[in-house]
Protein backbone atom coordinates (compact mmCIF):
# COMPACT_ATOMS: atom_id res chain seq x y z
CA MET A 1 -6.25 -3.31 -61.11
CA LEU A 2 -8.20 -0.57 -62.84
CA HIS A 3 -9.33 0.78 -59.49
CA SER A 4 -5.77 1.14 -58.20
CA SER A 5 -4.60 2.87 -61.35
CA LEU A 6 -7.49 5.36 -61.24
CA PHE A 7 -7.31 6.00 -57.49
CA PRO A 8 -3.76 5.25 -56.36
CA MET A 9 -4.00 7.42 -53.22
CA THR A 10 -7.10 5.80 -51.75
CA GLU A 11 -7.05 2.78 -49.53
CA PRO A 12 -9.55 -0.06 -49.74
CA PRO A 13 -12.42 0.39 -47.26
CA GLN A 14 -11.23 -2.55 -45.15
CA SER A 15 -7.81 -0.93 -44.60
CA GLN A 16 -9.43 2.36 -43.67
CA SER A 17 -11.71 0.60 -41.22
CA GLN A 18 -8.81 -1.33 -39.70
CA PHE A 19 -6.82 1.89 -39.34
CA THR A 20 -9.76 3.61 -37.65
CA ASN A 21 -10.27 0.68 -35.29
CA GLU A 22 -6.60 0.63 -34.32
CA GLN A 23 -6.49 4.38 -33.75
CA THR A 24 -9.68 4.27 -31.69
CA HIS A 25 -8.26 1.47 -29.54
CA GLU A 26 -5.01 3.38 -28.97
CA PHE A 27 -6.89 6.58 -28.13
CA ARG A 28 -9.17 4.82 -25.65
CA THR A 29 -6.22 3.06 -24.01
CA SER A 30 -4.52 6.41 -23.44
CA LEU A 31 -7.73 7.98 -22.18
CA ASN A 32 -8.28 5.12 -19.74
CA THR A 33 -4.72 5.54 -18.44
CA ILE A 34 -5.40 9.20 -17.78
CA LEU A 35 -8.70 8.52 -16.02
CA MET A 36 -7.21 5.75 -13.89
CA SER A 37 -4.26 7.92 -12.90
CA ILE A 38 -6.53 10.80 -11.92
CA GLU A 39 -8.57 8.48 -9.71
CA LEU A 40 -5.41 7.16 -8.06
CA LEU A 41 -4.12 10.69 -7.47
CA ASP A 42 -7.16 11.29 -5.31
CA ASP A 43 -5.68 8.98 -2.67
CA ASP A 44 -4.40 11.15 0.19
CA SER A 45 -2.00 8.46 1.39
CA LEU A 46 0.22 8.67 -1.72
CA ASP A 47 3.71 9.98 -1.22
CA ARG A 48 5.38 12.51 -3.49
CA GLU A 49 7.11 9.85 -5.61
CA GLU A 50 3.85 7.95 -6.24
CA ARG A 51 2.05 11.15 -7.19
CA GLN A 52 4.84 12.04 -9.60
CA SER A 53 4.59 8.59 -11.15
CA TYR A 54 0.87 9.03 -11.83
CA LEU A 55 1.47 12.51 -13.22
CA ASN A 56 4.02 10.99 -15.59
CA PHE A 57 1.44 8.42 -16.72
CA ILE A 58 -0.96 11.27 -17.48
CA ARG A 59 1.70 13.22 -19.34
CA GLU A 60 2.74 10.21 -21.46
CA ALA A 61 -0.84 9.24 -22.25
CA THR A 62 -1.64 12.81 -23.25
CA GLU A 63 1.35 12.88 -25.59
CA GLN A 64 0.23 9.55 -27.08
CA MET A 65 -3.27 10.94 -27.70
CA LYS A 66 -1.74 13.99 -29.38
CA ARG A 67 0.34 11.75 -31.67
CA ILE A 68 -2.74 9.70 -32.56
CA LEU A 69 -4.67 12.83 -33.47
CA ASP A 70 -1.76 14.24 -35.47
CA GLU A 71 -1.48 10.99 -37.45
CA SER A 72 -5.23 10.77 -38.02
CA LEU A 73 -5.92 14.30 -39.16
């Protein structure tokens, strides 16, 4: 209890580690979505609608990565 009264704004190391692990997982998931979508966009047989769908995946994943960074920093 003494620790929490002296340092009320700090989190226990386990919580910080869990937060970091969760953020890292979310960031990597978004990054993998972007990379996968870019690879799929390289397919010349895609129609306009399919290309737009992959571009939307990239846009959404990029926004998610931005949110993760904003929350982490």
